[in-house]
Amino acid sequence: MRLTFDRFIIFILLLVLAVYVGKYFYQKPKFQQGEKALDFQAQTIGGQSIRLSDLRGNYVLLDFWGSWCGPCRMENPAWVQLYERLKDVPHGSAQGFQMLSVGIEKSEESWRKAIAADGLNWPYHVLDQSSSLRFLNSPVAKLYKIRQVPSNYLISPEGMIIGVNLRPEEVLKKVEAAK
């Protein structure tokens, strides 16, 4: 069978489609809405030991980001606004709203500078530093099978995942709907 131009184009289109579908499934979050959030322990930027489960009773946005990630940094002002709006307000059965940011980094200095520069004023910042050349090979990122940043999980006061990879306005709608 001879390869014609039409067959060659179809082959190329199918190959491109296969690459995009494969990328989608590779980057798809491991955990979905309705699943229990996995607990972990880490040290905050202030040196305090924290477990994700310590924040139960609050809505929690578990946010994976990096100082080196342009889209993460562009979205940070909206996260700051959201945190300021929701942090001290009870929402339904929740005491309030907390953010736990997991910085996937090679450089602690860059992480600290980005937190200060972007005005990320919530208390729970965790450095998930990778010792290898692969950024997403650090302990918390591996636990949640993070394949790209930004990535986030909205967690209910009971510790269940109620949203995955939400934008700030979507988080606001979900939390305020609980009133």
C-alpha atoms as a PDB file:
ATOM      1  CA  MET A   1       0.000   0.000   0.000  1.00  0.00           C
ATOM      2  CA  ARG A   2       1.379   3.293  -1.063  1.00  0.00           C
ATOM      3  CA  LEU A   3       1.362   6.244   1.350  1.00  0.00           C
ATOM      4  CA  THR A   4      -0.572   9.042  -0.259  1.00  0.00           C
ATOM      5  CA  PHE A   5      -0.579  12.662   0.806  1.00  0.00           C
ATOM      6  CA  ASP A   6      -4.112  12.306   2.237  1.00  0.00           C
ATOM      7  CA  ARG A   7      -3.135   9.291   4.334  1.00  0.00           C
ATOM      8  CA  PHE A   8      -0.015  11.069   5.533  1.00  0.00           C
ATOM      9  CA  ILE A   9      -2.078  14.075   6.702  1.00  0.00           C
ATOM     10  CA  ILE A  10      -4.565  11.790   8.473  1.00  0.00           C
ATOM     11  CA  PHE A  11      -1.675   9.965  10.157  1.00  0.00           C
ATOM     12  CA  ILE A  12      -0.167  13.260  11.361  1.00  0.00           C
ATOM     13  CA  LEU A  13      -3.540  14.489  12.658  1.00  0.00           C
ATOM     14  CA  LEU A  14      -4.104  11.231  14.558  1.00  0.00           C
ATOM     15  CA  LEU A  15      -0.619  11.439  16.021  1.00  0.00           C
ATOM     16  CA  VAL A  16      -1.191  15.029  17.210  1.00  0.00           C
ATOM     17  CA  LEU A  17      -4.549  14.017  18.691  1.00  0.00           C
ATOM     18  CA  ALA A  18      -2.927  11.080  20.520  1.00  0.00           C
ATOM     19  CA  VAL A  19      -0.279  13.393  21.998  1.00  0.00           C
ATOM     20  CA  TYR A  20      -2.911  15.846  23.295  1.00  0.00           C
ATOM     21  CA  VAL A  21      -5.085  13.074  24.757  1.00  0.00           C
ATOM     22  CA  GLY A  22      -2.042  11.498  26.403  1.00  0.00           C
ATOM     23  CA  LYS A  23      -0.980  14.850  27.859  1.00  0.00           C
ATOM     24  CA  TYR A  24      -4.493  15.427  29.231  1.00  0.00           C
ATOM     25  CA  PHE A  25      -4.568  12.085  31.050  1.00  0.00           C
ATOM     26  CA  TYR A  26      -0.983  12.502  32.275  1.00  0.00           C
ATOM     27  CA  GLN A  27      -1.720  15.931  33.797  1.00  0.00           C
ATOM     28  CA  LYS A  28      -5.174  15.037  35.120  1.00  0.00           C
ATOM     29  CA  PRO A  29      -5.257  15.305  38.935  1.00  0.00           C
ATOM     30  CA  LYS A  30      -5.055  12.012  40.801  1.00  0.00           C
ATOM     31  CA  PHE A  31      -7.797  12.922  43.239  1.00  0.00           C
ATOM     32  CA  GLN A  32     -11.272  13.981  42.286  1.00  0.00           C
ATOM     33  CA  GLN A  33     -14.179  15.706  43.926  1.00  0.00           C
ATOM     34  CA  GLY A  34     -15.720  13.512  46.639  1.00  0.00           C
ATOM     35  CA  GLU A  35     -12.493  11.801  47.704  1.00  0.00           C
ATOM     36  CA  LYS A  36     -10.823  12.232  51.079  1.00  0.00           C
ATOM     37  CA  ALA A  37      -7.806  14.562  51.077  1.00  0.00           C
ATOM     38  CA  LEU A  38      -4.579  12.805  52.059  1.00  0.00           C
ATOM     39  CA  ASP A  39      -2.996  14.096  55.238  1.00  0.00           C
ATOM     40  CA  PHE A  40       0.646  15.130  55.390  1.00  0.00           C
ATOM     41  CA  GLN A  41       2.940  16.874  57.836  1.00  0.00           C
ATOM     42  CA  ALA A  42       5.316  19.670  56.905  1.00  0.00           C
ATOM     43  CA  GLN A  43       7.034  22.716  58.320  1.00  0.00           C
ATOM     44  CA  THR A  44       5.669  26.191  57.586  1.00  0.00           C
ATOM     45  CA  ILE A  45       7.705  29.214  56.586  1.00  0.00           C
ATOM     46  CA  GLY A  46       7.614  30.297  60.247  1.00  0.00           C
ATOM     47  CA  GLY A  47       9.056  26.986  61.445  1.00  0.00           C
ATOM     48  CA  GLN A  48       5.769  25.617  62.784  1.00  0.00           C
ATOM     49  CA  SER A  49       4.928  21.961  62.171  1.00  0.00           C
ATOM     50  CA  ILE A  50       1.543  21.562  60.509  1.00  0.00           C
ATOM     51  CA  ARG A  51      -0.611  18.730  59.288  1.00  0.00           C
ATOM     52  CA  LEU A  52      -3.314  19.271  56.713  1.00  0.00           C
ATOM     53  CA  SER A  53      -5.715  17.711  59.218  1.00  0.00           C
ATOM     54  CA  ASP A  54      -4.896  20.528  61.707  1.00  0.00           C
ATOM     55  CA  LEU A  55      -7.022  22.804  59.512  1.00  0.00           C
ATOM     56  CA  ARG A  56     -10.156  20.630  59.705  1.00  0.00           C
ATOM     57  CA  GLY A  57     -13.250  22.622  60.477  1.00  0.00           C
ATOM     58  CA  ASN A  58     -12.263  25.177  57.824  1.00  0.00           C
ATOM     59  CA  TYR A  59     -12.517  25.246  54.091  1.00  0.00           C
ATOM     60  CA  VAL A  60      -8.933  24.787  52.923  1.00  0.00           C
ATOM     61  CA  LEU A  61      -7.425  25.593  49.577  1.00  0.00           C
ATOM     62  CA  LEU A  62      -4.388  23.348  49.109  1.00  0.00           C
ATOM     63  CA  ASP A  63      -2.482  25.254  46.442  1.00  0.00           C
ATOM     64  CA  PHE A  64       0.594  23.926  44.621  1.00  0.00           C
ATOM     65  CA  TRP A  65       2.640  26.691  43.013  1.00  0.00           C
ATOM     66  CA  GLY A  66       6.197  27.841  42.312  1.00  0.00           C
ATOM     67  CA  SER A  67       8.089  31.109  42.377  1.00  0.00           C
ATOM     68  CA  TRP A  68       9.328  30.225  38.888  1.00  0.00           C
ATOM     69  CA  CYS A  69       5.783  29.663  37.523  1.00  0.00           C
ATOM     70  CA  GLY A  70       4.454  32.666  35.577  1.00  0.00           C
ATOM     71  CA  PRO A  71       0.762  31.634  35.666  1.00  0.00           C
ATOM     72  CA  CYS A  72       1.031  30.990  39.432  1.00  0.00           C
ATOM     73  CA  ARG A  73       2.487  34.415  40.075  1.00  0.00           C
ATOM     74  CA  MET A  74      -0.106  36.149  37.880  1.00  0.00           C
ATOM     75  CA  GLU A  75      -2.921  34.489  39.848  1.00  0.00           C
ATOM     76  CA  ASN A  76      -1.471  35.306  43.294  1.00  0.00           C
ATOM     77  CA  PRO A  77      -3.134  38.762  43.622  1.00  0.00           C
ATOM     78  CA  ALA A  78      -6.548  37.117  43.162  1.00  0.00           C
ATOM     79  CA  TRP A  79      -5.716  34.514  45.817  1.00  0.00           C
ATOM     80  CA  VAL A  80      -4.697  37.280  48.228  1.00  0.00           C
ATOM     81  CA  GLN A  81      -8.022  39.072  47.643  1.00  0.00           C
ATOM     82  CA  LEU A  82      -9.948  35.845  48.125  1.00  0.00           C
ATOM     83  CA  TYR A  83      -8.126  35.023  51.348  1.00  0.00           C
ATOM     84  CA  GLU A  84      -8.769  38.492  52.758  1.00  0.00           C
ATOM     85  CA  ARG A  85     -12.459  38.219  51.914  1.00  0.00           C
ATOM     86  CA  LEU A  86     -13.038  34.726  53.362  1.00  0.00           C
ATOM     87  CA  LYS A  87     -10.483  34.126  56.127  1.00  0.00           C
ATOM     88  CA  ASP A  88     -12.389  35.259  59.235  1.00  0.00           C
ATOM     89  CA  VAL A  89     -15.929  34.561  58.074  1.00  0.00           C
ATOM     90  CA  PRO A  90     -17.803  31.402  59.146  1.00  0.00           C
ATOM     91  CA  HIS A  91     -19.327  29.590  56.169  1.00  0.00           C
ATOM     92  CA  GLY A  92     -22.062  27.110  57.033  1.00  0.00           C
ATOM     93  CA  SER A  93     -20.498  24.574  59.397  1.00  0.00           C
ATOM     94  CA  ALA A  94     -16.976  25.880  58.709  1.00  0.00           C
ATOM     95  CA  GLN A  95     -15.095  28.100  61.142  1.00  0.00           C
ATOM     96  CA  GLY A  96     -13.511  29.947  58.254  1.00  0.00           C
ATOM     97  CA  PHE A  97     -11.269  29.637  55.232  1.00  0.00           C
ATOM     98  CA  GLN A  98      -7.558  28.820  55.165  1.00  0.00           C
ATOM     99  CA  MET A  99      -4.970  28.510  52.448  1.00  0.00           C
ATOM    100  CA  LEU A 100      -2.096  26.069  52.590  1.00  0.00           C
ATOM    101  CA  SER A 101       0.376  26.912  49.834  1.00  0.00           C
ATOM    102  CA  VAL A 102       2.896  24.297  48.803  1.00  0.00           C
ATOM    103  CA  GLY A 103       5.843  25.900  47.038  1.00  0.00           C
ATOM    104  CA  ILE A 104       7.499  23.402  44.715  1.00  0.00           C
ATOM    105  CA  GLU A 105      10.978  24.791  44.541  1.00  0.00           C
ATOM    106  CA  LYS A 106      14.663  24.210  44.172  1.00  0.00           C
ATOM    107  CA  SER A 107      15.564  27.470  45.919  1.00  0.00           C
ATOM    108  CA  GLU A 108      14.227  28.410  49.339  1.00  0.00           C
ATOM    109  CA  GLU A 109      15.458  31.959  48.811  1.00  0.00           C
ATOM    110  CA  SER A 110      13.387  32.388  45.612  1.00  0.00           C
ATOM    111  CA  TRP A 111      10.338  30.957  47.390  1.00  0.00           C
ATOM    112  CA  ARG A 112      10.653  33.366  50.330  1.00  0.00           C
ATOM    113  CA  LYS A 113      11.179  36.343  48.003  1.00  0.00           C
ATOM    114  CA  ALA A 114       8.101  35.442  45.930  1.00  0.00           C
ATOM    115  CA  ILE A 115       5.908  35.149  49.046  1.00  0.00           C
ATOM    116  CA  ALA A 116       7.027  38.603  50.188  1.00  0.00           C
ATOM    117  CA  ALA A 117       6.834  40.203  46.735  1.00  0.00           C
ATOM    118  CA  ASP A 118       3.348  38.843  46.027  1.00  0.00           C
ATOM    119  CA  GLY A 119       2.033  39.703  49.508  1.00  0.00           C
ATOM    120  CA  LEU A 120       0.915  36.164  50.289  1.00  0.00           C
ATOM    121  CA  ASN A 121      -0.229  36.963  53.820  1.00  0.00           C
ATOM    122  CA  TRP A 122      -1.682  33.661  55.011  1.00  0.00           C
ATOM    123  CA  PRO A 123       0.317  31.768  57.644  1.00  0.00           C
ATOM    124  CA  TYR A 124       0.523  28.357  56.018  1.00  0.00           C
ATOM    125  CA  HIS A 125       3.307  28.259  53.444  1.00  0.00           C
ATOM    126  CA  VAL A 126       5.176  24.996  53.015  1.00  0.00           C
ATOM    127  CA  LEU A 127       8.369  24.534  51.027  1.00  0.00           C
ATOM    128  CA  ASP A 128       8.300  21.263  49.116  1.00  0.00           C
ATOM    129  CA  GLN A 129      11.867  21.320  47.944  1.00  0.00           C
ATOM    130  CA  SER A 130      13.102  18.847  45.395  1.00  0.00           C
ATOM    131  CA  SER A 131      16.582  17.444  45.721  1.00  0.00           C
ATOM    132  CA  SER A 132      16.627  16.222  42.137  1.00  0.00           C
ATOM    133  CA  LEU A 133      16.495  18.027  38.830  1.00  0.00           C
ATOM    134  CA  ARG A 134      12.765  17.294  38.627  1.00  0.00           C
ATOM    135  CA  PHE A 135      10.589  19.918  40.350  1.00  0.00           C
ATOM    136  CA  LEU A 136       7.541  17.727  40.818  1.00  0.00           C
ATOM    137  CA  ASN A 137       9.443  14.942  42.561  1.00  0.00           C
ATOM    138  CA  SER A 138       9.190  16.383  46.080  1.00  0.00           C
ATOM    139  CA  PRO A 139       7.312  14.601  48.912  1.00  0.00           C
ATOM    140  CA  VAL A 140       3.966  16.437  49.004  1.00  0.00           C
ATOM    141  CA  ALA A 141       3.843  16.796  45.204  1.00  0.00           C
ATOM    142  CA  LYS A 142       4.433  13.041  44.891  1.00  0.00           C
ATOM    143  CA  LEU A 143       1.744  12.295  47.489  1.00  0.00           C
ATOM    144  CA  TYR A 144      -0.804  14.269  45.466  1.00  0.00           C
ATOM    145  CA  LYS A 145       0.712  13.181  42.130  1.00  0.00           C
ATOM    146  CA  ILE A 146       1.068  16.786  40.986  1.00  0.00           C
ATOM    147  CA  ARG A 147       2.146  16.919  37.349  1.00  0.00           C
ATOM    148  CA  GLN A 148       1.848  20.673  36.747  1.00  0.00           C
ATOM    149  CA  VAL A 149       1.537  23.925  38.604  1.00  0.00           C
ATOM    150  CA  PRO A 150      -0.584  25.725  39.372  1.00  0.00           C
ATOM    151  CA  SER A 151      -2.739  22.937  40.795  1.00  0.00           C
ATOM    152  CA  ASN A 152      -5.124  23.132  43.718  1.00  0.00           C
ATOM    153  CA  TYR A 153      -7.676  21.249  45.760  1.00  0.00           C
ATOM    154  CA  LEU A 154     -10.542  22.816  47.690  1.00  0.00           C
ATOM    155  CA  ILE A 155     -11.142  20.766  50.832  1.00  0.00           C
ATOM    156  CA  SER A 156     -14.319  20.799  52.902  1.00  0.00           C
ATOM    157  CA  PRO A 157     -14.370  21.275  56.691  1.00  0.00           C
ATOM    158  CA  GLU A 158     -14.737  17.482  56.935  1.00  0.00           C
ATOM    159  CA  GLY A 159     -11.560  16.837  54.916  1.00  0.00           C
ATOM    160  CA  MET A 160     -13.163  15.894  51.604  1.00  0.00           C
ATOM    161  CA  ILE A 161     -12.083  17.242  48.225  1.00  0.00           C
ATOM    162  CA  ILE A 162     -14.900  19.395  46.852  1.00  0.00           C
ATOM    163  CA  GLY A 163     -13.081  21.039  43.953  1.00  0.00           C
ATOM    164  CA  VAL A 164     -10.023  20.495  41.788  1.00  0.00           C
ATOM    165  CA  ASN A 165      -8.021  23.139  39.924  1.00  0.00           C
ATOM    166  CA  LEU A 166     -10.469  25.921  40.634  1.00  0.00           C
ATOM    167  CA  ARG A 167      -9.986  29.581  39.820  1.00  0.00           C
ATOM    168  CA  PRO A 168     -10.390  32.079  42.690  1.00  0.00           C
ATOM    169  CA  GLU A 169     -13.915  33.078  41.613  1.00  0.00           C
ATOM    170  CA  GLU A 170     -14.986  29.410  41.580  1.00  0.00           C
ATOM    171  CA  VAL A 171     -13.627  28.899  45.112  1.00  0.00           C
ATOM    172  CA  LEU A 172     -15.540  31.972  46.252  1.00  0.00           C
ATOM    173  CA  LYS A 173     -18.812  30.626  44.804  1.00  0.00           C
ATOM    174  CA  LYS A 174     -18.378  27.197  46.412  1.00  0.00           C
ATOM    175  CA  VAL A 175     -17.500  28.576  49.848  1.00  0.00           C
ATOM    176  CA  GLU A 176     -20.159  31.284  49.875  1.00  0.00           C
ATOM    177  CA  ALA A 177     -22.807  28.763  48.772  1.00  0.00           C
ATOM    178  CA  ALA A 178     -22.324  27.049  52.149  1.00  0.00           C
ATOM    179  CA  LYS A 179     -23.756  30.026  54.084  1.00  0.00           C
END
